[in-house]
């Protein structure tokens, strides 16, 4: 079970080298005990269960990484498309509201 804790510690610091070394040692010990005929059925079942659990954890983190990279790519593409739209958009040339609604002043119309 310590290998699962080591796995999470390795994920936390983004270094699973220690986990791999421990896993290789466990594998060597289990296989050696099996060859010598001293591996108990409880130990064998536990080793298989932990191995399956580690496989699920590894697959889960790989899938999360793939999904995160895919989402990051989508966000990058969305951001690029938005900035492209803003660069190609031309501002409309409508008169300012104050000029469009202003009526002639009484002093200028009396001079006609």
PDB file of N, CA and C in Angstrom:
ATOM      1  N   UNK A   1       0.815  -1.193   0.000  1.00  0.00           N
ATOM      2  CA  UNK A   1       0.000   0.000   0.000  1.00  0.00           C
ATOM      3  C   UNK A   1       0.858   1.257   0.000  1.00  0.00           C
ATOM      4  N   UNK A   2       2.081   1.140   0.486  1.00  0.00           N
ATOM      5  CA  UNK A   2       2.975   2.305   0.483  1.00  0.00           C
ATOM      6  C   UNK A   2       3.243   2.763  -0.941  1.00  0.00           C
ATOM      7  N   UNK A   3       3.214   1.829  -1.897  1.00  0.00           N
ATOM      8  CA  UNK A   3       3.478   2.213  -3.284  1.00  0.00           C
ATOM      9  C   UNK A   3       2.413   3.166  -3.812  1.00  0.00           C
ATOM     10  N   UNK A   4       1.183   3.027  -3.349  1.00  0.00           N
ATOM     11  CA  UNK A   4       0.120   3.948  -3.771  1.00  0.00           C
ATOM     12  C   UNK A   4       0.372   5.331  -3.184  1.00  0.00           C
ATOM     13  N   UNK A   5       0.776   5.385  -1.919  1.00  0.00           N
ATOM     14  CA  UNK A   5       1.139   6.668  -1.306  1.00  0.00           C
ATOM     15  C   UNK A   5       2.325   7.291  -2.009  1.00  0.00           C
ATOM     16  N   UNK A   6       3.322   6.465  -2.352  1.00  0.00           N
ATOM     17  CA  UNK A   6       4.482   6.960  -3.102  1.00  0.00           C
ATOM     18  C   UNK A   6       4.056   7.510  -4.458  1.00  0.00           C
ATOM     19  N   UNK A   7       3.090   6.835  -5.088  1.00  0.00           N
ATOM     20  CA  UNK A   7       2.600   7.289  -6.383  1.00  0.00           C
ATOM     21  C   UNK A   7       2.034   8.701  -6.280  1.00  0.00           C
ATOM     22  N   UNK A   8       1.170   8.933  -5.286  1.00  0.00           N
ATOM     23  CA  UNK A   8       0.577  10.264  -5.129  1.00  0.00           C
ATOM     24  C   UNK A   8       1.628  11.304  -4.758  1.00  0.00           C
ATOM     25  N   UNK A   9       2.602  10.922  -3.951  1.00  0.00           N
ATOM     26  CA  UNK A   9       3.699  11.849  -3.640  1.00  0.00           C
ATOM     27  C   UNK A   9       4.465  12.206  -4.908  1.00  0.00           C
ATOM     28  N   UNK A  10       4.724  11.210  -5.753  1.00  0.00           N
ATOM     29  CA  UNK A  10       5.426  11.450  -7.008  1.00  0.00           C
ATOM     30  C   UNK A  10       4.643  12.336  -7.953  1.00  0.00           C
ATOM     31  N   UNK A  11       3.337  12.121  -8.021  1.00  0.00           N
ATOM     32  CA  UNK A  11       2.483  12.957  -8.873  1.00  0.00           C
ATOM     33  C   UNK A  11       2.504  14.391  -8.370  1.00  0.00           C
ATOM     34  N   UNK A  12       2.469  14.547  -7.051  1.00  0.00           N
ATOM     35  CA  UNK A  12       2.434  15.891  -6.461  1.00  0.00           C
ATOM     36  C   UNK A  12       3.672  16.699  -6.837  1.00  0.00           C
ATOM     37  N   UNK A  13       4.835  16.060  -6.881  1.00  0.00           N
ATOM     38  CA  UNK A  13       6.075  16.784  -7.200  1.00  0.00           C
ATOM     39  C   UNK A  13       6.499  16.572  -8.654  1.00  0.00           C
ATOM     40  N   UNK A  14       5.642  15.937  -9.445  1.00  0.00           N
ATOM     41  CA  UNK A  14       5.914  15.667 -10.867  1.00  0.00           C
ATOM     42  C   UNK A  14       7.207  14.885 -11.069  1.00  0.00           C
ATOM     43  N   UNK A  15       7.440  13.889 -10.215  1.00  0.00           N
ATOM     44  CA  UNK A  15       8.621  13.030 -10.350  1.00  0.00           C
ATOM     45  C   UNK A  15       8.257  11.646  -9.835  1.00  0.00           C
ATOM     46  N   UNK A  16       8.069  10.712 -10.748  1.00  0.00           N
ATOM     47  CA  UNK A  16       7.696   9.372 -10.319  1.00  0.00           C
ATOM     48  C   UNK A  16       8.860   8.393 -10.416  1.00  0.00           C
ATOM     49  N   UNK A  17      10.071   8.905 -10.524  1.00  0.00           N
ATOM     50  CA  UNK A  17      11.252   8.042 -10.571  1.00  0.00           C
ATOM     51  C   UNK A  17      11.352   7.150  -9.352  1.00  0.00           C
ATOM     52  N   UNK A  18      11.105   7.720  -8.175  1.00  0.00           N
ATOM     53  CA  UNK A  18      11.152   6.956  -6.924  1.00  0.00           C
ATOM     54  C   UNK A  18      10.069   5.878  -6.930  1.00  0.00           C
ATOM     55  N   UNK A  19       8.909   6.205  -7.457  1.00  0.00           N
ATOM     56  CA  UNK A  19       7.801   5.250  -7.531  1.00  0.00           C
ATOM     57  C   UNK A  19       8.189   4.071  -8.417  1.00  0.00           C
ATOM     58  N   UNK A  20       8.794   4.370  -9.560  1.00  0.00           N
ATOM     59  CA  UNK A  20       9.197   3.301 -10.475  1.00  0.00           C
ATOM     60  C   UNK A  20      10.233   2.384  -9.838  1.00  0.00           C
ATOM     61  N   UNK A  21      11.182   2.970  -9.127  1.00  0.00           N
ATOM     62  CA  UNK A  21      12.202   2.166  -8.450  1.00  0.00           C
ATOM     63  C   UNK A  21      11.557   1.253  -7.411  1.00  0.00           C
ATOM     64  N   UNK A  22      10.665   1.815  -6.597  1.00  0.00           N
ATOM     65  CA  UNK A  22       9.966   1.004  -5.594  1.00  0.00           C
ATOM     66  C   UNK A  22       9.134  -0.096  -6.250  1.00  0.00           C
ATOM     67  N   UNK A  23       8.478   0.240  -7.346  1.00  0.00           N
ATOM     68  CA  UNK A  23       7.632  -0.733  -8.029  1.00  0.00           C
ATOM     69  C   UNK A  23       8.474  -1.879  -8.591  1.00  0.00           C
ATOM     70  N   UNK A  24       9.624  -1.555  -9.148  1.00  0.00           N
ATOM     71  CA  UNK A  24      10.524  -2.600  -9.656  1.00  0.00           C
ATOM     72  C   UNK A  24      11.001  -3.502  -8.519  1.00  0.00           C
ATOM     73  N   UNK A  25      11.289  -2.922  -7.357  1.00  0.00           N
ATOM     74  CA  UNK A  25      11.711  -3.721  -6.201  1.00  0.00           C
ATOM     75  C   UNK A  25      10.590  -4.647  -5.729  1.00  0.00           C
ATOM     76  N   UNK A  26       9.376  -4.134  -5.686  1.00  0.00           N
ATOM     77  CA  UNK A  26       8.230  -4.962  -5.291  1.00  0.00           C
ATOM     78  C   UNK A  26       8.053  -6.102  -6.283  1.00  0.00           C
ATOM     79  N   UNK A  27       8.137  -5.778  -7.558  1.00  0.00           N
ATOM     80  CA  UNK A  27       7.995  -6.792  -8.606  1.00  0.00           C
ATOM     81  C   UNK A  27       9.059  -7.875  -8.454  1.00  0.00           C
ATOM     82  N   UNK A  28      10.290  -7.462  -8.245  1.00  0.00           N
ATOM     83  CA  UNK A  28      11.391  -8.417  -8.076  1.00  0.00           C
ATOM     84  C   UNK A  28      11.144  -9.317  -6.863  1.00  0.00           C
ATOM     85  N   UNK A  29      10.715  -8.718  -5.754  1.00  0.00           N
ATOM     86  CA  UNK A  29      10.450  -9.497  -4.534  1.00  0.00           C
ATOM     87  C   UNK A  29       9.309 -10.494  -4.727  1.00  0.00           C
ATOM     88  N   UNK A  30       8.218 -10.046  -5.350  1.00  0.00           N
ATOM     89  CA  UNK A  30       7.059 -10.919  -5.539  1.00  0.00           C
ATOM     90  C   UNK A  30       7.399 -12.054  -6.495  1.00  0.00           C
ATOM     91  N   UNK A  31       8.032 -11.729  -7.612  1.00  0.00           N
ATOM     92  CA  UNK A  31       8.396 -12.762  -8.586  1.00  0.00           C
ATOM     93  C   UNK A  31       9.395 -13.741  -7.961  1.00  0.00           C
ATOM     94  N   UNK A  32      10.370 -13.219  -7.212  1.00  0.00           N
ATOM     95  CA  UNK A  32      11.350 -14.092  -6.551  1.00  0.00           C
ATOM     96  C   UNK A  32      10.693 -15.021  -5.548  1.00  0.00           C
ATOM     97  N   UNK A  33       9.763 -14.488  -4.760  1.00  0.00           N
ATOM     98  CA  UNK A  33       9.050 -15.324  -3.784  1.00  0.00           C
ATOM     99  C   UNK A  33       8.212 -16.390  -4.480  1.00  0.00           C
ATOM    100  N   UNK A  34       7.613 -16.030  -5.606  1.00  0.00           N
ATOM    101  CA  UNK A  34       6.816 -16.993  -6.370  1.00  0.00           C
ATOM    102  C   UNK A  34       7.705 -18.120  -6.895  1.00  0.00           C
ATOM    103  N   UNK A  35       8.846 -17.762  -7.447  1.00  0.00           N
ATOM    104  CA  UNK A  35       9.773 -18.772  -7.986  1.00  0.00           C
ATOM    105  C   UNK A  35      10.279 -19.717  -6.895  1.00  0.00           C
ATOM    106  N   UNK A  36      10.477 -19.169  -5.717  1.00  0.00           N
ATOM    107  CA  UNK A  36      10.976 -19.984  -4.604  1.00  0.00           C
ATOM    108  C   UNK A  36       9.863 -20.794  -3.950  1.00  0.00           C
ATOM    109  N   UNK A  37       8.624 -20.522  -4.345  1.00  0.00           N
ATOM    110  CA  UNK A  37       7.498 -21.254  -3.792  1.00  0.00           C
ATOM    111  C   UNK A  37       7.095 -20.792  -2.406  1.00  0.00           C
ATOM    112  N   UNK A  38       7.503 -19.593  -2.020  1.00  0.00           N
ATOM    113  CA  UNK A  38       7.180 -19.101  -0.676  1.00  0.00           C
ATOM    114  C   UNK A  38       6.172 -17.946  -0.697  1.00  0.00           C
ATOM    115  N   UNK A  39       5.602 -17.683  -1.842  1.00  0.00           N
ATOM    116  CA  UNK A  39       4.621 -16.597  -1.951  1.00  0.00           C
ATOM    117  C   UNK A  39       3.260 -17.118  -1.512  1.00  0.00           C
ATOM    118  N   UNK A  40       2.730 -16.568  -0.437  1.00  0.00           N
ATOM    119  CA  UNK A  40       1.428 -16.991   0.065  1.00  0.00           C
ATOM    120  C   UNK A  40       0.302 -16.486  -0.815  1.00  0.00           C
ATOM    121  N   UNK A  41      -0.834 -17.164  -0.744  1.00  0.00           N
ATOM    122  CA  UNK A  41      -1.969 -16.773  -1.588  1.00  0.00           C
ATOM    123  C   UNK A  41      -2.503 -15.397  -1.201  1.00  0.00           C
ATOM    124  N   UNK A  42      -2.476 -15.067   0.100  1.00  0.00           N
ATOM    125  CA  UNK A  42      -2.916 -13.733   0.528  1.00  0.00           C
ATOM    126  C   UNK A  42      -2.009 -12.651  -0.050  1.00  0.00           C
ATOM    127  N   UNK A  43      -0.709 -12.888   0.020  1.00  0.00           N
ATOM    128  CA  UNK A  43       0.254 -11.915  -0.510  1.00  0.00           C
ATOM    129  C   UNK A  43       0.094 -11.789  -2.016  1.00  0.00           C
ATOM    130  N   UNK A  44      -0.114 -12.903  -2.680  1.00  0.00           N
ATOM    131  CA  UNK A  44      -0.302 -12.888  -4.128  1.00  0.00           C
ATOM    132  C   UNK A  44      -1.558 -12.104  -4.507  1.00  0.00           C
ATOM    133  N   UNK A  45      -2.657 -12.360  -3.805  1.00  0.00           N
ATOM    134  CA  UNK A  45      -3.909 -11.642  -4.077  1.00  0.00           C
ATOM    135  C   UNK A  45      -3.752 -10.153  -3.813  1.00  0.00           C
ATOM    136  N   UNK A  46      -3.075  -9.821  -2.728  1.00  0.00           N
ATOM    137  CA  UNK A  46      -2.855  -8.412  -2.394  1.00  0.00           C
ATOM    138  C   UNK A  46      -2.000  -7.743  -3.474  1.00  0.00           C
ATOM    139  N   UNK A  47      -0.959  -8.420  -3.926  1.00  0.00           N
ATOM    140  CA  UNK A  47      -0.079  -7.855  -4.964  1.00  0.00           C
ATOM    141  C   UNK A  47      -0.852  -7.617  -6.255  1.00  0.00           C
ATOM    142  N   UNK A  48      -1.707  -8.563  -6.615  1.00  0.00           N
ATOM    143  CA  UNK A  48      -2.512  -8.401  -7.833  1.00  0.00           C
ATOM    144  C   UNK A  48      -3.484  -7.234  -7.671  1.00  0.00           C
ATOM    145  N   UNK A  49      -4.127  -7.130  -6.512  1.00  0.00           N
ATOM    146  CA  UNK A  49      -5.062  -6.030  -6.257  1.00  0.00           C
ATOM    147  C   UNK A  49      -4.382  -4.675  -6.307  1.00  0.00           C
ATOM    148  N   UNK A  50      -3.214  -4.581  -5.693  1.00  0.00           N
ATOM    149  CA  UNK A  50      -2.473  -3.310  -5.707  1.00  0.00           C
ATOM    150  C   UNK A  50      -2.014  -2.983  -7.121  1.00  0.00           C
ATOM    151  N   UNK A  51      -1.582  -3.999  -7.846  1.00  0.00           N
ATOM    152  CA  UNK A  51      -1.155  -3.785  -9.234  1.00  0.00           C
ATOM    153  C   UNK A  51      -2.306  -3.258 -10.086  1.00  0.00           C
ATOM    154  N   UNK A  52      -3.492  -3.850  -9.917  1.00  0.00           N
ATOM    155  CA  UNK A  52      -4.661  -3.382 -10.667  1.00  0.00           C
ATOM    156  C   UNK A  52      -5.031  -1.956 -10.271  1.00  0.00           C
ATOM    157  N   UNK A  53      -4.935  -1.657  -8.990  1.00  0.00           N
ATOM    158  CA  UNK A  53      -5.233  -0.306  -8.506  1.00  0.00           C
ATOM    159  C   UNK A  53      -4.250   0.706  -9.104  1.00  0.00           C
ATOM    160  N   UNK A  54      -2.975   0.349  -9.124  1.00  0.00           N
ATOM    161  CA  UNK A  54      -1.954   1.234  -9.707  1.00  0.00           C
ATOM    162  C   UNK A  54      -2.217   1.447 -11.200  1.00  0.00           C
ATOM    163  N   UNK A  55      -2.654   0.389 -11.881  1.00  0.00           N
ATOM    164  CA  UNK A  55      -2.960   0.510 -13.310  1.00  0.00           C
ATOM    165  C   UNK A  55      -4.102   1.496 -13.531  1.00  0.00           C
ATOM    166  N   UNK A  56      -5.138   1.394 -12.707  1.00  0.00           N
ATOM    167  CA  UNK A  56      -6.279   2.317 -12.811  1.00  0.00           C
ATOM    168  C   UNK A  56      -5.824   3.749 -12.536  1.00  0.00           C
ATOM    169  N   UNK A  57      -5.000   3.937 -11.503  1.00  0.00           N
ATOM    170  CA  UNK A  57      -4.498   5.281 -11.185  1.00  0.00           C
ATOM    171  C   UNK A  57      -3.686   5.853 -12.348  1.00  0.00           C
ATOM    172  N   UNK A  58      -2.788   5.049 -12.888  1.00  0.00           N
ATOM    173  CA  UNK A  58      -1.960   5.527 -14.010  1.00  0.00           C
ATOM    174  C   UNK A  58      -2.823   5.885 -15.215  1.00  0.00           C
ATOM    175  N   UNK A  59      -3.771   5.006 -15.553  1.00  0.00           N
ATOM    176  CA  UNK A  59      -4.662   5.282 -16.685  1.00  0.00           C
ATOM    177  C   UNK A  59      -5.474   6.551 -16.453  1.00  0.00           C
ATOM    178  N   UNK A  60      -5.946   6.733 -15.228  1.00  0.00           N
ATOM    179  CA  UNK A  60      -6.741   7.916 -14.899  1.00  0.00           C
ATOM    180  C   UNK A  60      -5.933   9.190 -15.072  1.00  0.00           C
ATOM    181  N   UNK A  61      -4.709   9.200 -14.558  1.00  0.00           N
ATOM    182  CA  UNK A  61      -3.887  10.399 -14.686  1.00  0.00           C
ATOM    183  C   UNK A  61      -3.467  10.649 -16.130  1.00  0.00           C
ATOM    184  N   UNK A  62      -3.231   9.601 -16.900  1.00  0.00           N
ATOM    185  CA  UNK A  62      -2.930   9.791 -18.321  1.00  0.00           C
ATOM    186  C   UNK A  62      -4.127  10.392 -19.047  1.00  0.00           C
ATOM    187  N   UNK A  63      -5.324   9.874 -18.760  1.00  0.00           N
ATOM    188  CA  UNK A  63      -6.532  10.419 -19.390  1.00  0.00           C
ATOM    189  C   UNK A  63      -6.762  11.867 -18.991  1.00  0.00           C
ATOM    190  N   UNK A  64      -6.525  12.194 -17.721  1.00  0.00           N
ATOM    191  CA  UNK A  64      -6.671  13.583 -17.282  1.00  0.00           C
ATOM    192  C   UNK A  64      -5.689  14.491 -18.004  1.00  0.00           C
ATOM    193  N   UNK A  65      -4.470  14.023 -18.169  1.00  0.00           N
ATOM    194  CA  UNK A  65      -3.459  14.818 -18.863  1.00  0.00           C
ATOM    195  C   UNK A  65      -3.868  15.056 -20.314  1.00  0.00           C
ATOM    196  N   UNK A  66      -4.345  14.008 -20.961  1.00  0.00           N
ATOM    197  CA  UNK A  66      -4.781  14.134 -22.356  1.00  0.00           C
ATOM    198  C   UNK A  66      -5.963  15.098 -22.458  1.00  0.00           C
ATOM    199  N   UNK A  67      -6.927  14.973 -21.540  1.00  0.00           N
ATOM    200  CA  UNK A  67      -8.082  15.872 -21.555  1.00  0.00           C
ATOM    201  C   UNK A  67      -7.670  17.314 -21.279  1.00  0.00           C
ATOM    202  N   UNK A  68      -6.744  17.505 -20.352  1.00  0.00           N
ATOM    203  CA  UNK A  68      -6.287  18.866 -20.031  1.00  0.00           C
ATOM    204  C   UNK A  68      -5.581  19.487 -21.230  1.00  0.00           C
ATOM    205  N   UNK A  69      -4.753  18.711 -21.913  1.00  0.00           N
ATOM    206  CA  UNK A  69      -4.063  19.234 -23.099  1.00  0.00           C
ATOM    207  C   UNK A  69      -5.060  19.551 -24.206  1.00  0.00           C
ATOM    208  N   UNK A  70      -6.056  18.698 -24.372  1.00  0.00           N
ATOM    209  CA  UNK A  70      -7.088  18.954 -25.379  1.00  0.00           C
ATOM    210  C   UNK A  70      -7.871  20.216 -25.068  1.00  0.00           C
ATOM    211  N   UNK A  71      -8.217  20.387 -23.811  1.00  0.00           N
ATOM    212  CA  UNK A  71      -8.968  21.589 -23.402  1.00  0.00           C
ATOM    213  C   UNK A  71      -8.116  22.840 -23.569  1.00  0.00           C
ATOM    214  N   UNK A  72      -6.832  22.741 -23.231  1.00  0.00           N
ATOM    215  CA  UNK A  72      -5.933  23.886 -23.399  1.00  0.00           C
ATOM    216  C   UNK A  72      -5.843  24.272 -24.874  1.00  0.00           C
ATOM    217  N   UNK A  73      -5.795  23.284 -25.751  1.00  0.00           N
ATOM    218  CA  UNK A  73      -5.759  23.562 -27.190  1.00  0.00           C
ATOM    219  C   UNK A  73      -7.048  24.250 -27.637  1.00  0.00           C
ATOM    220  N   UNK A  74      -8.193  23.767 -27.151  1.00  0.00           N
ATOM    221  CA  UNK A  74      -9.474  24.400 -27.489  1.00  0.00           C
ATOM    222  C   UNK A  74      -9.509  25.853 -27.029  1.00  0.00           C
ATOM    223  N   UNK A  75      -9.073  26.097 -25.805  1.00  0.00           N
ATOM    224  CA  UNK A  75      -9.071  27.468 -25.282  1.00  0.00           C
ATOM    225  C   UNK A  75      -8.131  28.358 -26.086  1.00  0.00           C
ATOM    226  N   UNK A  76      -6.974  27.824 -26.460  1.00  0.00           N
ATOM    227  CA  UNK A  76      -6.026  28.595 -27.276  1.00  0.00           C
ATOM    228  C   UNK A  76      -6.653  28.943 -28.620  1.00  0.00           C
ATOM    229  N   UNK A  77      -7.300  27.962 -29.246  1.00  0.00           N
ATOM    230  CA  UNK A  77      -7.945  28.205 -30.541  1.00  0.00           C
ATOM    231  C   UNK A  77      -9.074  29.227 -30.416  1.00  0.00           C
ATOM    232  N   UNK A  78      -9.864  29.123 -29.343  1.00  0.00           N
ATOM    233  CA  UNK A  78     -10.935  30.103 -29.114  1.00  0.00           C
ATOM    234  C   UNK A  78     -10.362  31.506 -28.936  1.00  0.00           C
ATOM    235  N   UNK A  79      -9.303  31.611 -28.169  1.00  0.00           N
ATOM    236  CA  UNK A  79      -8.667  32.908 -27.943  1.00  0.00           C
ATOM    237  C   UNK A  79      -8.110  33.466 -29.245  1.00  0.00           C
ATOM    238  N   UNK A  80      -7.471  32.624 -30.043  1.00  0.00           N
ATOM    239  CA  UNK A  80      -6.922  33.059 -31.324  1.00  0.00           C
ATOM    240  C   UNK A  80      -8.041  33.514 -32.254  1.00  0.00           C
ATOM    241  N   UNK A  81      -9.143  32.765 -32.295  1.00  0.00           N
ATOM    242  CA  UNK A  81     -10.272  33.129 -33.162  1.00  0.00           C
ATOM    243  C   UNK A  81     -10.883  34.453 -32.723  1.00  0.00           C
ATOM    244  N   UNK A  82     -10.991  34.664 -31.422  1.00  0.00           N
ATOM    245  CA  UNK A  82     -11.550  35.916 -30.907  1.00  0.00           C
ATOM    246  C   UNK A  82     -10.662  37.093 -31.273  1.00  0.00           C
ATOM    247  N   UNK A  83      -9.363  36.948 -31.109  1.00  0.00           N
ATOM    248  CA  UNK A  83      -8.466  38.058 -31.440  1.00  0.00           C
ATOM    249  C   UNK A  83      -8.448  38.306 -32.949  1.00  0.00           C
ATOM    250  N   UNK A  84      -8.590  37.252 -33.766  1.00  0.00           N
ATOM    251  CA  UNK A  84      -8.672  37.403 -35.225  1.00  0.00           C
ATOM    252  C   UNK A  84      -9.916  38.200 -35.583  1.00  0.00           C
ATOM    253  N   UNK A  85     -11.046  37.876 -34.967  1.00  0.00           N
ATOM    254  CA  UNK A  85     -12.298  38.583 -35.249  1.00  0.00           C
ATOM    255  C   UNK A  85     -12.176  40.056 -34.888  1.00  0.00           C
ATOM    256  N   UNK A  86     -11.553  40.348 -33.770  1.00  0.00           N
ATOM    257  CA  UNK A  86     -11.422  41.740 -33.339  1.00  0.00           C
ATOM    258  C   UNK A  86     -10.489  42.521 -34.256  1.00  0.00           C
ATOM    259  N   UNK A  87      -9.467  41.861 -34.788  1.00  0.00           N
ATOM    260  CA  UNK A  87      -8.553  42.558 -35.700  1.00  0.00           C
ATOM    261  C   UNK A  87      -9.212  42.854 -37.033  1.00  0.00           C
ATOM    262  N   UNK A  88     -10.072  41.957 -37.501  1.00  0.00           N
ATOM    263  CA  UNK A  88     -10.688  42.155 -38.817  1.00  0.00           C
ATOM    264  C   UNK A  88     -11.969  42.968 -38.746  1.00  0.00           C
ATOM    265  N   UNK A  89     -12.509  43.146 -37.581  1.00  0.00           N
ATOM    266  CA  UNK A  89     -13.737  43.927 -37.430  1.00  0.00           C
ATOM    267  C   UNK A  89     -13.409  45.403 -37.644  1.00  0.00           C
ATOM    268  N   UNK A  90     -14.181  46.078 -38.521  1.00  0.00           N
ATOM    269  CA  UNK A  90     -13.966  47.509 -38.740  1.00  0.00           C
ATOM    270  C   UNK A  90     -14.991  48.279 -37.936  1.00  0.00           C
ATOM    271  N   UNK A  91     -14.569  49.306 -37.266  1.00  0.00           N
ATOM    272  CA  UNK A  91     -15.531  50.082 -36.471  1.00  0.00           C
ATOM    273  C   UNK A  91     -16.497  50.824 -37.389  1.00  0.00           C
ATOM    274  N   UNK A  92     -17.753  50.946 -36.976  1.00  0.00           N
ATOM    275  CA  UNK A  92     -18.745  51.661 -37.785  1.00  0.00           C
ATOM    276  C   UNK A  92     -18.501  53.160 -37.653  1.00  0.00           C
ATOM    277  N   UNK A  93     -18.775  53.891 -38.731  1.00  0.00           N
ATOM    278  CA  UNK A  93     -18.539  55.339 -38.762  1.00  0.00           C
ATOM    279  C   UNK A  93     -19.875  56.055 -38.627  1.00  0.00           C
ATOM    280  N   UNK A  94     -20.493  55.986 -37.490  1.00  0.00           N
ATOM    281  CA  UNK A  94     -21.751  56.706 -37.294  1.00  0.00           C
ATOM    282  C   UNK A  94     -21.449  58.010 -36.573  1.00  0.00           C
ATOM    283  N   UNK A  95     -22.238  59.028 -36.835  1.00  0.00           N
ATOM    284  CA  UNK A  95     -21.982  60.311 -36.173  1.00  0.00           C
ATOM    285  C   UNK A  95     -22.198  60.187 -34.673  1.00  0.00           C
ATOM    286  N   UNK A  96     -21.537  61.045 -33.955  1.00  0.00           N
ATOM    287  CA  UNK A  96     -21.697  61.011 -32.502  1.00  0.00           C
ATOM    288  C   UNK A  96     -23.126  61.403 -32.161  1.00  0.00           C
ATOM    289  N   UNK A  97     -23.662  60.894 -31.076  1.00  0.00           N
ATOM    290  CA  UNK A  97     -25.062  61.194 -30.720  1.00  0.00           C
ATOM    291  C   UNK A  97     -25.314  62.685 -30.550  1.00  0.00           C
ATOM    292  N   UNK A  98     -24.378  63.442 -30.052  1.00  0.00           N
ATOM    293  CA  UNK A  98     -24.619  64.872 -29.842  1.00  0.00           C
ATOM    294  C   UNK A  98     -24.758  65.606 -31.169  1.00  0.00           C
ATOM    295  N   UNK A  99     -24.031  65.238 -32.196  1.00  0.00           N
ATOM    296  CA  UNK A  99     -24.126  65.902 -33.502  1.00  0.00           C
ATOM    297  C   UNK A  99     -25.359  65.446 -34.270  1.00  0.00           C
ATOM    298  N   UNK A 100     -25.731  64.200 -34.127  1.00  0.00           N
ATOM    299  CA  UNK A 100     -26.859  63.668 -34.890  1.00  0.00           C
ATOM    300  C   UNK A 100     -28.189  64.241 -34.419  1.00  0.00           C
ATOM    301  N   UNK A 101     -28.322  64.596 -33.180  1.00  0.00           N
ATOM    302  CA  UNK A 101     -29.607  65.074 -32.654  1.00  0.00           C
ATOM    303  C   UNK A 101     -29.639  66.571 -32.421  1.00  0.00           C
ATOM    304  N   UNK A 102     -28.559  67.265 -32.686  1.00  0.00           N
ATOM    305  CA  UNK A 102     -28.512  68.706 -32.419  1.00  0.00           C
ATOM    306  C   UNK A 102     -29.338  69.450 -33.470  1.00  0.00           C
ATOM    307  N   UNK A 103     -30.167  70.343 -33.024  1.00  0.00           N
ATOM    308  CA  UNK A 103     -30.933  71.182 -33.947  1.00  0.00           C
ATOM    309  C   UNK A 103     -30.249  72.544 -34.032  1.00  0.00           C
ATOM    310  N   UNK A 104     -30.509  73.273 -35.089  1.00  0.00           N
ATOM    311  CA  UNK A 104     -29.845  74.578 -35.224  1.00  0.00           C
ATOM    312  C   UNK A 104     -30.213  75.493 -34.064  1.00  0.00           C
ATOM    313  N   UNK A 105     -29.267  76.259 -33.670  1.00  0.00           N
ATOM    314  CA  UNK A 105     -29.525  77.191 -32.560  1.00  0.00           C
ATOM    315  C   UNK A 105     -30.379  78.349 -33.069  1.00  0.00           C
ATOM    316  N   UNK A 106     -31.207  78.931 -32.214  1.00  0.00           N
ATOM    317  CA  UNK A 106     -32.091  80.038 -32.631  1.00  0.00           C
ATOM    318  C   UNK A 106     -31.298  81.231 -33.158  1.00  0.00           C
ATOM    319  N   UNK A 107     -30.142  81.497 -32.617  1.00  0.00           N
ATOM    320  CA  UNK A 107     -29.383  82.669 -33.077  1.00  0.00           C
ATOM    321  C   UNK A 107     -28.899  82.485 -34.505  1.00  0.00           C
ATOM    322  N   UNK A 108     -28.553  81.248 -34.923  1.00  0.00           N
ATOM    323  CA  UNK A 108     -28.068  81.053 -36.287  1.00  0.00           C
ATOM    324  C   UNK A 108     -29.212  81.093 -37.289  1.00  0.00           C
ATOM    325  N   UNK A 109     -30.422  80.698 -36.929  1.00  0.00           N
ATOM    326  CA  UNK A 109     -31.536  80.733 -37.870  1.00  0.00           C
ATOM    327  C   UNK A 109     -32.098  82.142 -38.015  1.00  0.00           C
ATOM    328  N   UNK A 110     -31.925  82.999 -37.027  1.00  0.00           N
ATOM    329  CA  UNK A 110     -32.442  84.364 -37.133  1.00  0.00           C
ATOM    330  C   UNK A 110     -31.564  85.213 -38.033  1.00  0.00           C
ATOM    331  N   UNK A 111     -30.361  84.797 -38.275  1.00  0.00           N
ATOM    332  CA  UNK A 111     -29.461  85.581 -39.113  1.00  0.00           C
ATOM    333  C   UNK A 111     -29.728  85.331 -40.586  1.00  0.00           C
ATOM    334  N   UNK A 112     -30.570  84.376 -40.947  1.00  0.00           N
ATOM    335  CA  UNK A 112     -30.861  84.099 -42.346  1.00  0.00           C
ATOM    336  C   UNK A 112     -31.729  85.122 -42.886  1.00  0.00           C
TER     337      UNK A 112
END
